[in-house]
Amino acid sequence: VDDFNFCTVANNGLNLGFLSYKGNAKISVCADKLIGMDSHLFVECLESAYDDICNGVDNASSEELKAPDLTPLSAKFLEIGLSCAVAGTVALLSIWLAKK
């Protein structure tokens, strides 16, 4: 897939979406004229926000980000507990077999 587009149509007064894919950014807007928004002001604000995003991307560090460790603490405790249980079982089995 080289390009990805999207559009959402629903019974909403205003739907705004932003998608970034493979170095391209897309904005989609669906607005019902019955909401009576100031479309010129909306376009100004949207362009300003888009410029802010572009500036943020252009000024971003080139350092590659490391993915955060999202392992729950409970899983870490379980892993440690199981490791200790296995090590203890091996030790007890070794002692028991040595006595025989």
C-alpha atoms as a PDB file:
ATOM      1  CA  VAL A   1       0.000   0.000   0.000  1.00  0.00           C
ATOM      2  CA  ASP A   2       1.546   3.273  -1.107  1.00  0.00           C
ATOM      3  CA  ASP A   3      -1.249   5.656  -0.167  1.00  0.00           C
ATOM      4  CA  PHE A   4      -4.045   5.627   2.356  1.00  0.00           C
ATOM      5  CA  ASN A   5      -7.139   7.834   2.233  1.00  0.00           C
ATOM      6  CA  PHE A   6     -10.154   7.924   4.467  1.00  0.00           C
ATOM      7  CA  CYS A   7     -13.457   9.648   4.853  1.00  0.00           C
ATOM      8  CA  THR A   8     -16.130   9.277   7.482  1.00  0.00           C
ATOM      9  CA  VAL A   9     -19.728  10.105   6.863  1.00  0.00           C
ATOM     10  CA  ALA A  10     -22.009  10.023   9.862  1.00  0.00           C
ATOM     11  CA  ASN A  11     -24.852  11.985  11.366  1.00  0.00           C
ATOM     12  CA  ASN A  12     -22.456  14.481  12.926  1.00  0.00           C
ATOM     13  CA  GLY A  13     -22.350  18.218  12.531  1.00  0.00           C
ATOM     14  CA  LEU A  14     -18.580  18.205  12.053  1.00  0.00           C
ATOM     15  CA  ASN A  15     -16.087  15.402  11.548  1.00  0.00           C
ATOM     16  CA  LEU A  16     -12.368  16.137  11.343  1.00  0.00           C
ATOM     17  CA  GLY A  17      -9.704  13.497  10.774  1.00  0.00           C
ATOM     18  CA  PHE A  18      -5.921  13.578  10.527  1.00  0.00           C
ATOM     19  CA  LEU A  19      -3.895  10.651   9.200  1.00  0.00           C
ATOM     20  CA  SER A  20      -0.155  10.320   8.760  1.00  0.00           C
ATOM     21  CA  TYR A  21       1.057   7.386   6.617  1.00  0.00           C
ATOM     22  CA  LYS A  22       4.404   6.758   4.905  1.00  0.00           C
ATOM     23  CA  GLY A  23       5.560  10.347   5.233  1.00  0.00           C
ATOM     24  CA  ASN A  24       2.319  11.886   3.977  1.00  0.00           C
ATOM     25  CA  ALA A  25      -0.330  13.649   6.009  1.00  0.00           C
ATOM     26  CA  LYS A  26      -3.994  13.821   5.075  1.00  0.00           C
ATOM     27  CA  ILE A  27      -6.783  15.862   6.612  1.00  0.00           C
ATOM     28  CA  SER A  28     -10.427  15.124   5.953  1.00  0.00           C
ATOM     29  CA  VAL A  29     -13.315  17.339   6.931  1.00  0.00           C
ATOM     30  CA  CYS A  30     -17.022  16.650   6.681  1.00  0.00           C
ATOM     31  CA  ALA A  31     -19.285  19.468   7.861  1.00  0.00           C
ATOM     32  CA  ASP A  32     -23.020  19.908   7.780  1.00  0.00           C
ATOM     33  CA  LYS A  33     -23.974  23.416   6.653  1.00  0.00           C
ATOM     34  CA  LEU A  34     -26.743  23.396   9.258  1.00  0.00           C
ATOM     35  CA  ILE A  35     -24.180  23.859  12.058  1.00  0.00           C
ATOM     36  CA  GLY A  36     -23.598  27.369  10.749  1.00  0.00           C
ATOM     37  CA  MET A  37     -19.858  27.522  11.296  1.00  0.00           C
ATOM     38  CA  ASP A  38     -17.638  30.291   9.970  1.00  0.00           C
ATOM     39  CA  SER A  39     -15.905  28.256   7.242  1.00  0.00           C
ATOM     40  CA  HIS A  40     -13.294  30.945   6.499  1.00  0.00           C
ATOM     41  CA  LEU A  41     -12.224  31.076  10.152  1.00  0.00           C
ATOM     42  CA  PHE A  42     -12.243  27.275  10.289  1.00  0.00           C
ATOM     43  CA  VAL A  43      -9.916  27.047   7.251  1.00  0.00           C
ATOM     44  CA  GLU A  44      -7.586  29.662   8.783  1.00  0.00           C
ATOM     45  CA  CYS A  45      -7.384  27.721  12.057  1.00  0.00           C
ATOM     46  CA  LEU A  46      -6.920  24.417  10.242  1.00  0.00           C
ATOM     47  CA  GLU A  47      -4.105  25.804   8.082  1.00  0.00           C
ATOM     48  CA  SER A  48      -2.416  27.284  11.148  1.00  0.00           C
ATOM     49  CA  ALA A  49      -2.655  23.993  13.023  1.00  0.00           C
ATOM     50  CA  TYR A  50      -1.312  22.107   9.992  1.00  0.00           C
ATOM     51  CA  ASP A  51       1.630  24.549   9.764  1.00  0.00           C
ATOM     52  CA  ASP A  52       2.342  23.944  13.473  1.00  0.00           C
ATOM     53  CA  ILE A  53       2.378  20.183  12.870  1.00  0.00           C
ATOM     54  CA  CYS A  54       4.696  20.564   9.859  1.00  0.00           C
ATOM     55  CA  ASN A  55       7.060  22.791  11.857  1.00  0.00           C
ATOM     56  CA  GLY A  56       7.078  20.258  14.676  1.00  0.00           C
ATOM     57  CA  VAL A  57       7.948  17.456  12.254  1.00  0.00           C
ATOM     58  CA  ASP A  58      10.631  19.536  10.513  1.00  0.00           C
ATOM     59  CA  ASN A  59      12.224  20.461  13.851  1.00  0.00           C
ATOM     60  CA  ALA A  60      11.971  16.986  15.363  1.00  0.00           C
ATOM     61  CA  SER A  61      15.078  15.187  16.470  1.00  0.00           C
ATOM     62  CA  SER A  62      16.484  12.689  13.996  1.00  0.00           C
ATOM     63  CA  GLU A  63      17.246  10.373  16.906  1.00  0.00           C
ATOM     64  CA  GLU A  64      15.281   7.154  16.583  1.00  0.00           C
ATOM     65  CA  LEU A  65      12.751   6.697  19.357  1.00  0.00           C
ATOM     66  CA  LYS A  66      12.773   3.505  21.373  1.00  0.00           C
ATOM     67  CA  ALA A  67       9.424   1.844  21.934  1.00  0.00           C
ATOM     68  CA  PRO A  68       8.398   2.047  25.585  1.00  0.00           C
ATOM     69  CA  ASP A  69       8.170  -1.117  27.682  1.00  0.00           C
ATOM     70  CA  LEU A  70       4.428  -1.637  28.010  1.00  0.00           C
ATOM     71  CA  THR A  71       4.656  -4.878  30.005  1.00  0.00           C
ATOM     72  CA  PRO A  72       2.259  -4.613  32.956  1.00  0.00           C
ATOM     73  CA  LEU A  73       3.851  -4.706  36.405  1.00  0.00           C
ATOM     74  CA  SER A  74       1.760  -7.763  37.277  1.00  0.00           C
ATOM     75  CA  ALA A  75       3.309  -9.654  34.336  1.00  0.00           C
ATOM     76  CA  LYS A  76       6.792  -8.697  35.527  1.00  0.00           C
ATOM     77  CA  PHE A  77       6.003  -9.990  39.041  1.00  0.00           C
ATOM     78  CA  LEU A  78       4.588 -13.189  37.550  1.00  0.00           C
ATOM     79  CA  GLU A  79       7.727 -13.695  35.468  1.00  0.00           C
ATOM     80  CA  ILE A  80       9.978 -13.237  38.514  1.00  0.00           C
ATOM     81  CA  GLY A  81       7.761 -15.510  40.625  1.00  0.00           C
ATOM     82  CA  LEU A  82       7.750 -18.264  38.009  1.00  0.00           C
ATOM     83  CA  SER A  83      11.523 -18.001  37.588  1.00  0.00           C
ATOM     84  CA  CYS A  84      11.983 -18.402  41.352  1.00  0.00           C
ATOM     85  CA  ALA A  85       9.512 -21.323  41.445  1.00  0.00           C
ATOM     86  CA  VAL A  86      11.309 -23.131  38.633  1.00  0.00           C
ATOM     87  CA  ALA A  87      14.727 -22.528  40.207  1.00  0.00           C
ATOM     88  CA  GLY A  88      13.421 -23.697  43.606  1.00  0.00           C
ATOM     89  CA  THR A  89      11.866 -26.817  42.087  1.00  0.00           C
ATOM     90  CA  VAL A  90      15.124 -27.693  40.320  1.00  0.00           C
ATOM     91  CA  ALA A  91      17.080 -27.168  43.556  1.00  0.00           C
ATOM     92  CA  LEU A  92      14.653 -29.304  45.605  1.00  0.00           C
ATOM     93  CA  LEU A  93      14.680 -32.034  42.953  1.00  0.00           C
ATOM     94  CA  SER A  94      18.485 -31.997  42.934  1.00  0.00           C
ATOM     95  CA  ILE A  95      18.581 -32.353  46.733  1.00  0.00           C
ATOM     96  CA  TRP A  96      15.946 -35.097  46.692  1.00  0.00           C
ATOM     97  CA  LEU A  97      17.770 -37.034  43.925  1.00  0.00           C
ATOM     98  CA  ALA A  98      21.106 -36.641  45.707  1.00  0.00           C
ATOM     99  CA  LYS A  99      19.652 -38.331  48.825  1.00  0.00           C
ATOM    100  CA  LYS A 100      18.519 -41.388  46.822  1.00  0.00           C
END
